[in-house]
Amino acid sequence: MGFSEKQEALVKESWDVMKEDIHELSLYLYQMILEIAPEAKGLFSFLKDTDEIPRNNAKLRSHAVKVFKMVCEAAIQLREKGEVVISGSTLKYLGSVHLQKGIVDAHFEIVKEALIRTVTKAMGERCSEEMKNAWAEAYDQMAAAIITEMKQEAAAAKA
């Protein structure tokens, strides 16, 4: 079936709205991650030495923006190419960092849930099941590319 033109439009439309309040939504994304999995705090260098999510933490905001942008780009690629293609060096870096941090498949599910909650909050009444599903599909495809790279790197390290 593939990623439809409507799914891509829903992701792009909501991202355009969310960009307007990215500072607050970045904080909200991490609040949701920690609400779902408080133990995840130690996985983020910019959160592990604090008891709260710092409102003015540039690294936190930067990381959240990268997540949102990558999912949005994944949606566009799914529509145009039928798959998510992350440039080789970026993918290698993401795989390596996630592997070093001890990220496992379940962690990606936690971030997806937090992302969907964030989209829901940002879009309010305009957020439909179709919009949430479009973000979820784009995120899943992006996460799958990173997970594949992590597994390849882990296998190469064992060889």
N, C-alpha and C. Protein backbone atom coordinates (compact mmCIF):
# COMPACT_ATOMS: atom_id res chain seq x y z
N MET A 1 0.82 -1.19 0.00
CA MET A 1 0.00 0.00 0.00
C MET A 1 0.87 1.26 0.00
N GLY A 2 1.90 1.31 0.79
CA GLY A 2 2.79 2.47 0.80
C GLY A 2 2.24 3.61 1.63
N PHE A 3 2.99 4.65 1.67
CA PHE A 3 2.65 5.85 2.42
C PHE A 3 1.90 6.78 1.47
N SER A 4 0.70 7.14 1.80
CA SER A 4 -0.13 7.91 0.88
C SER A 4 0.22 9.39 0.87
N GLU A 5 -0.25 10.04 -0.18
CA GLU A 5 -0.07 11.48 -0.30
C GLU A 5 -0.74 12.18 0.89
N LYS A 6 -1.89 11.66 1.30
CA LYS A 6 -2.61 12.26 2.44
C LYS A 6 -1.81 12.09 3.73
N GLN A 7 -1.21 10.92 3.94
CA GLN A 7 -0.39 10.71 5.14
C GLN A 7 0.77 11.69 5.18
N GLU A 8 1.44 11.84 4.05
CA GLU A 8 2.55 12.80 3.98
C GLU A 8 2.05 14.21 4.29
N ALA A 9 0.92 14.58 3.72
CA ALA A 9 0.36 15.92 3.94
C ALA A 9 0.01 16.12 5.42
N LEU A 10 -0.51 15.10 6.07
CA LEU A 10 -0.86 15.21 7.49
C LEU A 10 0.38 15.44 8.35
N VAL A 11 1.46 14.73 8.05
CA VAL A 11 2.69 14.91 8.81
C VAL A 11 3.25 16.31 8.56
N LYS A 12 3.31 16.72 7.31
CA LYS A 12 3.85 18.04 6.98
C LYS A 12 3.01 19.16 7.60
N GLU A 13 1.70 19.04 7.49
CA GLU A 13 0.79 20.06 8.04
C GLU A 13 0.98 20.19 9.55
N SER A 14 1.03 19.07 10.24
CA SER A 14 1.16 19.13 11.69
C SER A 14 2.56 19.60 12.09
N TRP A 15 3.58 19.23 11.33
CA TRP A 15 4.92 19.71 11.63
C TRP A 15 4.99 21.23 11.48
N ASP A 16 4.33 21.75 10.46
CA ASP A 16 4.30 23.21 10.28
C ASP A 16 3.68 23.90 11.49
N VAL A 17 2.66 23.31 12.06
CA VAL A 17 2.02 23.87 13.27
C VAL A 17 2.96 23.71 14.47
N MET A 18 3.55 22.55 14.61
CA MET A 18 4.39 22.27 15.78
C MET A 18 5.66 23.11 15.81
N LYS A 19 6.20 23.45 14.65
CA LYS A 19 7.42 24.27 14.60
C LYS A 19 7.23 25.60 15.32
N GLU A 20 6.01 26.09 15.32
CA GLU A 20 5.71 27.39 15.95
C GLU A 20 5.92 27.35 17.46
N ASP A 21 5.82 26.18 18.07
CA ASP A 21 5.95 26.06 19.53
C ASP A 21 6.96 24.96 19.88
N ILE A 22 8.02 24.88 19.10
CA ILE A 22 8.95 23.76 19.25
C ILE A 22 9.62 23.74 20.62
N HIS A 23 9.84 24.90 21.22
CA HIS A 23 10.47 24.93 22.54
C HIS A 23 9.63 24.17 23.57
N GLU A 24 8.36 24.50 23.65
CA GLU A 24 7.47 23.84 24.61
C GLU A 24 7.23 22.38 24.22
N LEU A 25 7.08 22.11 22.95
CA LEU A 25 6.83 20.74 22.52
C LEU A 25 8.04 19.84 22.74
N SER A 26 9.24 20.40 22.64
CA SER A 26 10.45 19.62 22.94
C SER A 26 10.44 19.18 24.40
N LEU A 27 10.11 20.12 25.27
CA LEU A 27 10.01 19.78 26.70
C LEU A 27 8.93 18.74 26.93
N TYR A 28 7.80 18.92 26.26
CA TYR A 28 6.69 18.00 26.42
C TYR A 28 7.07 16.59 25.95
N LEU A 29 7.78 16.50 24.83
CA LEU A 29 8.21 15.20 24.32
C LEU A 29 9.02 14.46 25.38
N TYR A 30 9.97 15.16 26.01
CA TYR A 30 10.80 14.50 27.02
C TYR A 30 10.02 14.23 28.30
N GLN A 31 9.07 15.09 28.63
CA GLN A 31 8.21 14.80 29.78
C GLN A 31 7.45 13.50 29.55
N MET A 32 6.97 13.32 28.33
CA MET A 32 6.22 12.11 28.00
C MET A 32 7.12 10.88 28.02
N ILE A 33 8.33 11.01 27.49
CA ILE A 33 9.27 9.87 27.52
C ILE A 33 9.49 9.45 28.96
N LEU A 34 9.73 10.41 29.84
CA LEU A 34 10.02 10.09 31.24
C LEU A 34 8.79 9.66 32.00
N GLU A 35 7.61 10.10 31.58
CA GLU A 35 6.38 9.63 32.21
C GLU A 35 6.16 8.15 31.86
N ILE A 36 6.40 7.81 30.61
CA ILE A 36 6.22 6.44 30.15
C ILE A 36 7.31 5.53 30.74
N ALA A 37 8.55 6.02 30.75
CA ALA A 37 9.70 5.21 31.19
C ALA A 37 10.69 6.07 31.97
N PRO A 38 10.44 6.29 33.27
CA PRO A 38 11.34 7.13 34.06
C PRO A 38 12.80 6.69 34.01
N GLU A 39 13.01 5.41 33.84
CA GLU A 39 14.38 4.87 33.80
C GLU A 39 15.15 5.33 32.56
N ALA A 40 14.45 5.88 31.58
CA ALA A 40 15.10 6.34 30.36
C ALA A 40 15.93 7.60 30.58
N LYS A 41 15.73 8.25 31.70
CA LYS A 41 16.44 9.51 31.99
C LYS A 41 17.95 9.37 31.81
N GLY A 42 18.50 8.27 32.27
CA GLY A 42 19.93 8.05 32.20
C GLY A 42 20.47 7.85 30.79
N LEU A 43 19.60 7.66 29.82
CA LEU A 43 20.03 7.44 28.45
C LEU A 43 20.33 8.76 27.72
N PHE A 44 19.90 9.86 28.31
CA PHE A 44 20.10 11.17 27.69
C PHE A 44 21.12 11.94 28.51
N SER A 45 22.27 12.24 27.92
CA SER A 45 23.34 12.93 28.64
C SER A 45 22.86 14.26 29.22
N PHE A 46 21.94 14.92 28.54
CA PHE A 46 21.47 16.22 28.98
C PHE A 46 20.39 16.14 30.05
N LEU A 47 20.01 14.92 30.48
CA LEU A 47 19.01 14.76 31.53
C LEU A 47 19.51 14.01 32.75
N LYS A 48 20.59 13.25 32.61
CA LYS A 48 20.95 12.34 33.69
C LYS A 48 21.41 13.00 34.98
N ASP A 49 21.92 14.20 34.95
CA ASP A 49 22.40 14.84 36.18
C ASP A 49 21.45 15.89 36.74
N THR A 50 20.19 15.77 36.41
CA THR A 50 19.21 16.74 36.90
C THR A 50 17.95 16.03 37.37
N ASP A 51 17.23 16.66 38.27
CA ASP A 51 15.99 16.06 38.78
C ASP A 51 14.77 16.51 37.99
N GLU A 52 14.97 17.45 37.10
CA GLU A 52 13.86 17.92 36.29
C GLU A 52 14.32 18.13 34.86
N ILE A 53 13.36 18.32 34.00
CA ILE A 53 13.71 18.59 32.61
C ILE A 53 14.02 20.09 32.52
N PRO A 54 15.26 20.41 32.21
CA PRO A 54 15.65 21.83 32.19
C PRO A 54 14.97 22.60 31.05
N ARG A 55 14.28 23.66 31.37
CA ARG A 55 13.51 24.42 30.40
C ARG A 55 14.38 25.06 29.31
N ASN A 56 15.58 25.43 29.65
CA ASN A 56 16.41 26.14 28.68
C ASN A 56 17.61 25.32 28.22
N ASN A 57 17.45 24.02 28.17
CA ASN A 57 18.54 23.15 27.77
C ASN A 57 18.59 23.07 26.24
N ALA A 58 19.61 23.68 25.67
CA ALA A 58 19.73 23.73 24.20
C ALA A 58 19.91 22.33 23.60
N LYS A 59 20.60 21.44 24.31
CA LYS A 59 20.82 20.08 23.78
C LYS A 59 19.50 19.31 23.71
N LEU A 60 18.68 19.48 24.73
CA LEU A 60 17.38 18.81 24.75
C LEU A 60 16.54 19.29 23.57
N ARG A 61 16.45 20.58 23.41
CA ARG A 61 15.64 21.15 22.33
C ARG A 61 16.19 20.71 20.97
N SER A 62 17.50 20.76 20.82
CA SER A 62 18.13 20.37 19.57
C SER A 62 17.83 18.91 19.24
N HIS A 63 17.93 18.05 20.25
CA HIS A 63 17.66 16.62 20.03
C HIS A 63 16.20 16.40 19.64
N ALA A 64 15.30 17.07 20.33
CA ALA A 64 13.88 16.92 20.01
C ALA A 64 13.58 17.40 18.60
N VAL A 65 14.14 18.53 18.22
CA VAL A 65 13.91 19.05 16.87
C VAL A 65 14.42 18.06 15.83
N LYS A 66 15.58 17.45 16.10
CA LYS A 66 16.12 16.45 15.16
C LYS A 66 15.16 15.27 15.02
N VAL A 67 14.59 14.82 16.14
CA VAL A 67 13.65 13.70 16.08
C VAL A 67 12.45 14.08 15.23
N PHE A 68 11.84 15.23 15.53
CA PHE A 68 10.67 15.68 14.77
C PHE A 68 11.01 15.80 13.28
N LYS A 69 12.13 16.45 12.96
CA LYS A 69 12.51 16.66 11.56
C LYS A 69 12.77 15.34 10.85
N MET A 70 13.47 14.43 11.52
CA MET A 70 13.77 13.14 10.88
C MET A 70 12.49 12.37 10.58
N VAL A 71 11.52 12.43 11.49
CA VAL A 71 10.26 11.72 11.23
C VAL A 71 9.52 12.38 10.07
N CYS A 72 9.53 13.70 10.04
CA CYS A 72 8.90 14.42 8.94
C CYS A 72 9.58 14.08 7.62
N GLU A 73 10.90 14.07 7.60
CA GLU A 73 11.64 13.69 6.40
C GLU A 73 11.37 12.24 6.01
N ALA A 74 11.21 11.37 7.02
CA ALA A 74 10.89 9.97 6.74
C ALA A 74 9.54 9.89 6.02
N ALA A 75 8.58 10.70 6.45
CA ALA A 75 7.27 10.69 5.80
C ALA A 75 7.38 11.09 4.34
N ILE A 76 8.16 12.11 4.07
CA ILE A 76 8.34 12.58 2.69
C ILE A 76 9.02 11.49 1.85
N GLN A 77 10.04 10.86 2.42
CA GLN A 77 10.74 9.80 1.69
C GLN A 77 9.85 8.60 1.44
N LEU A 78 9.03 8.26 2.43
CA LEU A 78 8.14 7.12 2.25
C LEU A 78 7.20 7.36 1.07
N ARG A 79 6.75 8.58 0.94
CA ARG A 79 5.85 8.93 -0.15
C ARG A 79 6.59 8.94 -1.49
N GLU A 80 7.77 9.54 -1.50
CA GLU A 80 8.51 9.71 -2.75
C GLU A 80 9.25 8.45 -3.20
N LYS A 81 9.85 7.73 -2.23
CA LYS A 81 10.73 6.61 -2.57
C LYS A 81 10.20 5.25 -2.13
N GLY A 82 9.20 5.25 -1.24
CA GLY A 82 8.67 3.99 -0.73
C GLY A 82 9.48 3.42 0.41
N GLU A 83 10.52 4.14 0.83
CA GLU A 83 11.35 3.70 1.95
C GLU A 83 12.07 4.91 2.54
N VAL A 84 12.59 4.70 3.75
CA VAL A 84 13.35 5.75 4.41
C VAL A 84 14.83 5.52 4.14
N VAL A 85 15.47 6.53 3.60
CA VAL A 85 16.90 6.45 3.33
C VAL A 85 17.58 7.56 4.10
N ILE A 86 18.38 7.16 5.09
CA ILE A 86 19.16 8.12 5.86
C ILE A 86 20.56 8.06 5.30
N SER A 87 21.17 9.22 5.05
CA SER A 87 22.50 9.22 4.44
C SER A 87 23.43 8.31 5.22
N GLY A 88 24.34 7.67 4.50
CA GLY A 88 25.24 6.68 5.09
C GLY A 88 25.95 7.12 6.36
N SER A 89 26.57 8.30 6.33
CA SER A 89 27.32 8.74 7.51
C SER A 89 26.39 9.06 8.67
N THR A 90 25.24 9.65 8.38
CA THR A 90 24.28 9.95 9.44
C THR A 90 23.74 8.66 10.03
N LEU A 91 23.39 7.71 9.19
CA LEU A 91 22.87 6.44 9.67
C LEU A 91 23.90 5.71 10.50
N LYS A 92 25.15 5.67 10.03
CA LYS A 92 26.22 5.03 10.81
C LYS A 92 26.36 5.70 12.17
N TYR A 93 26.34 7.01 12.19
CA TYR A 93 26.46 7.76 13.45
C TYR A 93 25.28 7.42 14.38
N LEU A 94 24.07 7.47 13.85
CA LEU A 94 22.90 7.17 14.68
C LEU A 94 22.94 5.75 15.22
N GLY A 95 23.30 4.81 14.35
CA GLY A 95 23.41 3.42 14.80
C GLY A 95 24.45 3.27 15.89
N SER A 96 25.60 3.89 15.70
CA SER A 96 26.68 3.80 16.66
C SER A 96 26.31 4.42 18.00
N VAL A 97 25.76 5.62 17.98
CA VAL A 97 25.39 6.29 19.22
C VAL A 97 24.31 5.51 19.97
N HIS A 98 23.30 5.04 19.25
CA HIS A 98 22.23 4.30 19.91
C HIS A 98 22.75 2.97 20.47
N LEU A 99 23.65 2.34 19.76
CA LEU A 99 24.24 1.10 20.24
C LEU A 99 25.08 1.35 21.49
N GLN A 100 25.91 2.38 21.48
CA GLN A 100 26.75 2.73 22.63
C GLN A 100 25.91 3.05 23.87
N LYS A 101 24.77 3.70 23.66
CA LYS A 101 23.91 4.09 24.78
C LYS A 101 23.11 2.92 25.33
N GLY A 102 23.16 1.79 24.63
CA GLY A 102 22.40 0.62 25.10
C GLY A 102 20.93 0.66 24.72
N ILE A 103 20.62 1.39 23.67
CA ILE A 103 19.23 1.51 23.22
C ILE A 103 18.81 0.15 22.63
N VAL A 104 17.60 -0.26 22.99
CA VAL A 104 17.03 -1.50 22.47
C VAL A 104 15.71 -1.17 21.76
N ASP A 105 15.18 -2.13 21.05
CA ASP A 105 13.96 -1.91 20.27
C ASP A 105 12.84 -1.28 21.10
N ALA A 106 12.68 -1.74 22.34
CA ALA A 106 11.60 -1.23 23.20
C ALA A 106 11.73 0.28 23.45
N HIS A 107 12.94 0.78 23.47
CA HIS A 107 13.13 2.23 23.68
C HIS A 107 12.53 3.03 22.53
N PHE A 108 12.63 2.50 21.32
CA PHE A 108 12.06 3.19 20.16
C PHE A 108 10.53 3.27 20.30
N GLU A 109 9.93 2.23 20.88
CA GLU A 109 8.48 2.24 21.09
C GLU A 109 8.07 3.30 22.10
N ILE A 110 8.88 3.49 23.12
CA ILE A 110 8.62 4.52 24.14
C ILE A 110 8.65 5.91 23.49
N VAL A 111 9.67 6.16 22.69
CA VAL A 111 9.78 7.46 22.02
C VAL A 111 8.61 7.65 21.05
N LYS A 112 8.21 6.59 20.37
CA LYS A 112 7.07 6.70 19.45
C LYS A 112 5.81 7.10 20.21
N GLU A 113 5.56 6.46 21.32
CA GLU A 113 4.38 6.79 22.13
C GLU A 113 4.44 8.25 22.59
N ALA A 114 5.62 8.68 23.04
CA ALA A 114 5.79 10.07 23.48
C ALA A 114 5.59 11.03 22.31
N LEU A 115 6.09 10.66 21.15
CA LEU A 115 5.93 11.48 19.95
C LEU A 115 4.46 11.63 19.58
N ILE A 116 3.72 10.54 19.61
CA ILE A 116 2.29 10.58 19.27
C ILE A 116 1.54 11.43 20.29
N ARG A 117 1.88 11.30 21.56
CA ARG A 117 1.24 12.15 22.58
C ARG A 117 1.54 13.62 22.32
N THR A 118 2.75 13.90 21.89
CA THR A 118 3.16 15.28 21.62
C THR A 118 2.40 15.84 20.42
N VAL A 119 2.29 15.05 19.36
CA VAL A 119 1.53 15.48 18.19
C VAL A 119 0.07 15.72 18.58
N THR A 120 -0.47 14.83 19.39
CA THR A 120 -1.86 14.96 19.84
C THR A 120 -2.06 16.25 20.62
N LYS A 121 -1.15 16.53 21.53
CA LYS A 121 -1.24 17.78 22.31
C LYS A 121 -1.13 19.00 21.40
N ALA A 122 -0.16 18.98 20.51
CA ALA A 122 0.08 20.13 19.65
C ALA A 122 -1.10 20.41 18.72
N MET A 123 -1.70 19.38 18.21
CA MET A 123 -2.74 19.56 17.20
C MET A 123 -4.14 19.65 17.79
N GLY A 124 -4.31 19.26 19.04
CA GLY A 124 -5.61 19.38 19.69
C GLY A 124 -6.71 18.68 18.90
N GLU A 125 -7.80 19.40 18.68
CA GLU A 125 -8.96 18.83 17.98
C GLU A 125 -8.65 18.48 16.52
N ARG A 126 -7.61 19.07 15.97
CA ARG A 126 -7.26 18.77 14.57
C ARG A 126 -6.54 17.43 14.43
N CYS A 127 -6.16 16.83 15.57
CA CYS A 127 -5.43 15.56 15.53
C CYS A 127 -6.39 14.40 15.36
N SER A 128 -6.29 13.72 14.25
CA SER A 128 -7.14 12.57 13.97
C SER A 128 -6.33 11.28 14.14
N GLU A 129 -7.04 10.18 14.15
CA GLU A 129 -6.37 8.87 14.18
C GLU A 129 -5.48 8.72 12.95
N GLU A 130 -5.97 9.23 11.83
CA GLU A 130 -5.21 9.15 10.59
C GLU A 130 -3.88 9.92 10.71
N MET A 131 -3.91 11.08 11.36
CA MET A 131 -2.70 11.87 11.55
C MET A 131 -1.73 11.13 12.48
N LYS A 132 -2.25 10.59 13.57
CA LYS A 132 -1.39 9.85 14.50
C LYS A 132 -0.78 8.63 13.81
N ASN A 133 -1.59 7.95 13.01
CA ASN A 133 -1.09 6.77 12.29
C ASN A 133 -0.02 7.14 11.28
N ALA A 134 -0.16 8.29 10.64
CA ALA A 134 0.85 8.74 9.67
C ALA A 134 2.18 9.00 10.38
N TRP A 135 2.13 9.70 11.51
CA TRP A 135 3.36 9.94 12.29
C TRP A 135 3.96 8.62 12.77
N ALA A 136 3.10 7.71 13.23
CA ALA A 136 3.58 6.42 13.74
C ALA A 136 4.28 5.63 12.64
N GLU A 137 3.69 5.60 11.46
CA GLU A 137 4.29 4.85 10.34
C GLU A 137 5.62 5.46 9.92
N ALA A 138 5.66 6.77 9.82
CA ALA A 138 6.92 7.43 9.44
C ALA A 138 7.99 7.18 10.50
N TYR A 139 7.61 7.27 11.77
CA TYR A 139 8.56 7.03 12.86
C TYR A 139 9.04 5.57 12.81
N ASP A 140 8.11 4.63 12.65
CA ASP A 140 8.49 3.21 12.61
C ASP A 140 9.51 2.93 11.51
N GLN A 141 9.32 3.52 10.36
CA GLN A 141 10.24 3.29 9.24
C GLN A 141 11.61 3.90 9.52
N MET A 142 11.62 5.10 10.12
CA MET A 142 12.89 5.72 10.49
C MET A 142 13.61 4.88 11.56
N ALA A 143 12.86 4.45 12.57
CA ALA A 143 13.44 3.64 13.64
C ALA A 143 13.98 2.32 13.09
N ALA A 144 13.26 1.73 12.15
CA ALA A 144 13.71 0.46 11.56
C ALA A 144 15.06 0.63 10.87
N ALA A 145 15.27 1.75 10.19
CA ALA A 145 16.56 1.99 9.54
C ALA A 145 17.68 2.10 10.57
N ILE A 146 17.41 2.78 11.67
CA ILE A 146 18.42 2.93 12.73
C ILE A 146 18.69 1.59 13.40
N ILE A 147 17.64 0.84 13.69
CA ILE A 147 17.78 -0.47 14.34
C ILE A 147 18.58 -1.42 13.46
N THR A 148 18.31 -1.41 12.16
CA THR A 148 19.07 -2.26 11.23
C THR A 148 20.55 -1.91 11.28
N GLU A 149 20.86 -0.61 11.29
CA GLU A 149 22.26 -0.18 11.36
C GLU A 149 22.88 -0.60 12.69
N MET A 150 22.14 -0.49 13.77
CA MET A 150 22.65 -0.92 15.08
C MET A 150 23.01 -2.41 15.07
N LYS A 151 22.13 -3.19 14.49
CA LYS A 151 22.37 -4.65 14.43
C LYS A 151 23.57 -4.98 13.56
N GLN A 152 23.71 -4.26 12.46
CA GLN A 152 24.88 -4.48 11.59
C GLN A 152 26.16 -4.11 12.30
N GLU A 153 26.15 -3.01 13.03
CA GLU A 153 27.34 -2.59 13.75
C GLU A 153 27.68 -3.57 14.89
N ALA A 154 26.66 -4.05 15.57
CA ALA A 154 26.87 -5.02 16.65
C ALA A 154 27.46 -6.31 16.10
N ALA A 155 26.94 -6.76 14.95
CA ALA A 155 27.46 -7.97 14.32
C ALA A 155 28.90 -7.79 13.87
N ALA A 156 29.21 -6.63 13.32
CA ALA A 156 30.58 -6.35 12.87
C ALA A 156 31.55 -6.31 14.05
N ALA A 157 31.08 -5.80 15.17
CA ALA A 157 31.94 -5.71 16.37
C ALA A 157 32.25 -7.10 16.92
N LYS A 158 31.32 -8.05 16.74
CA LYS A 158 31.51 -9.42 17.23
C LYS A 158 32.41 -10.23 16.30
N ALA A 159 32.45 -9.82 15.02
CA ALA A 159 33.18 -10.58 14.01
C ALA A 159 34.69 -10.43 14.17
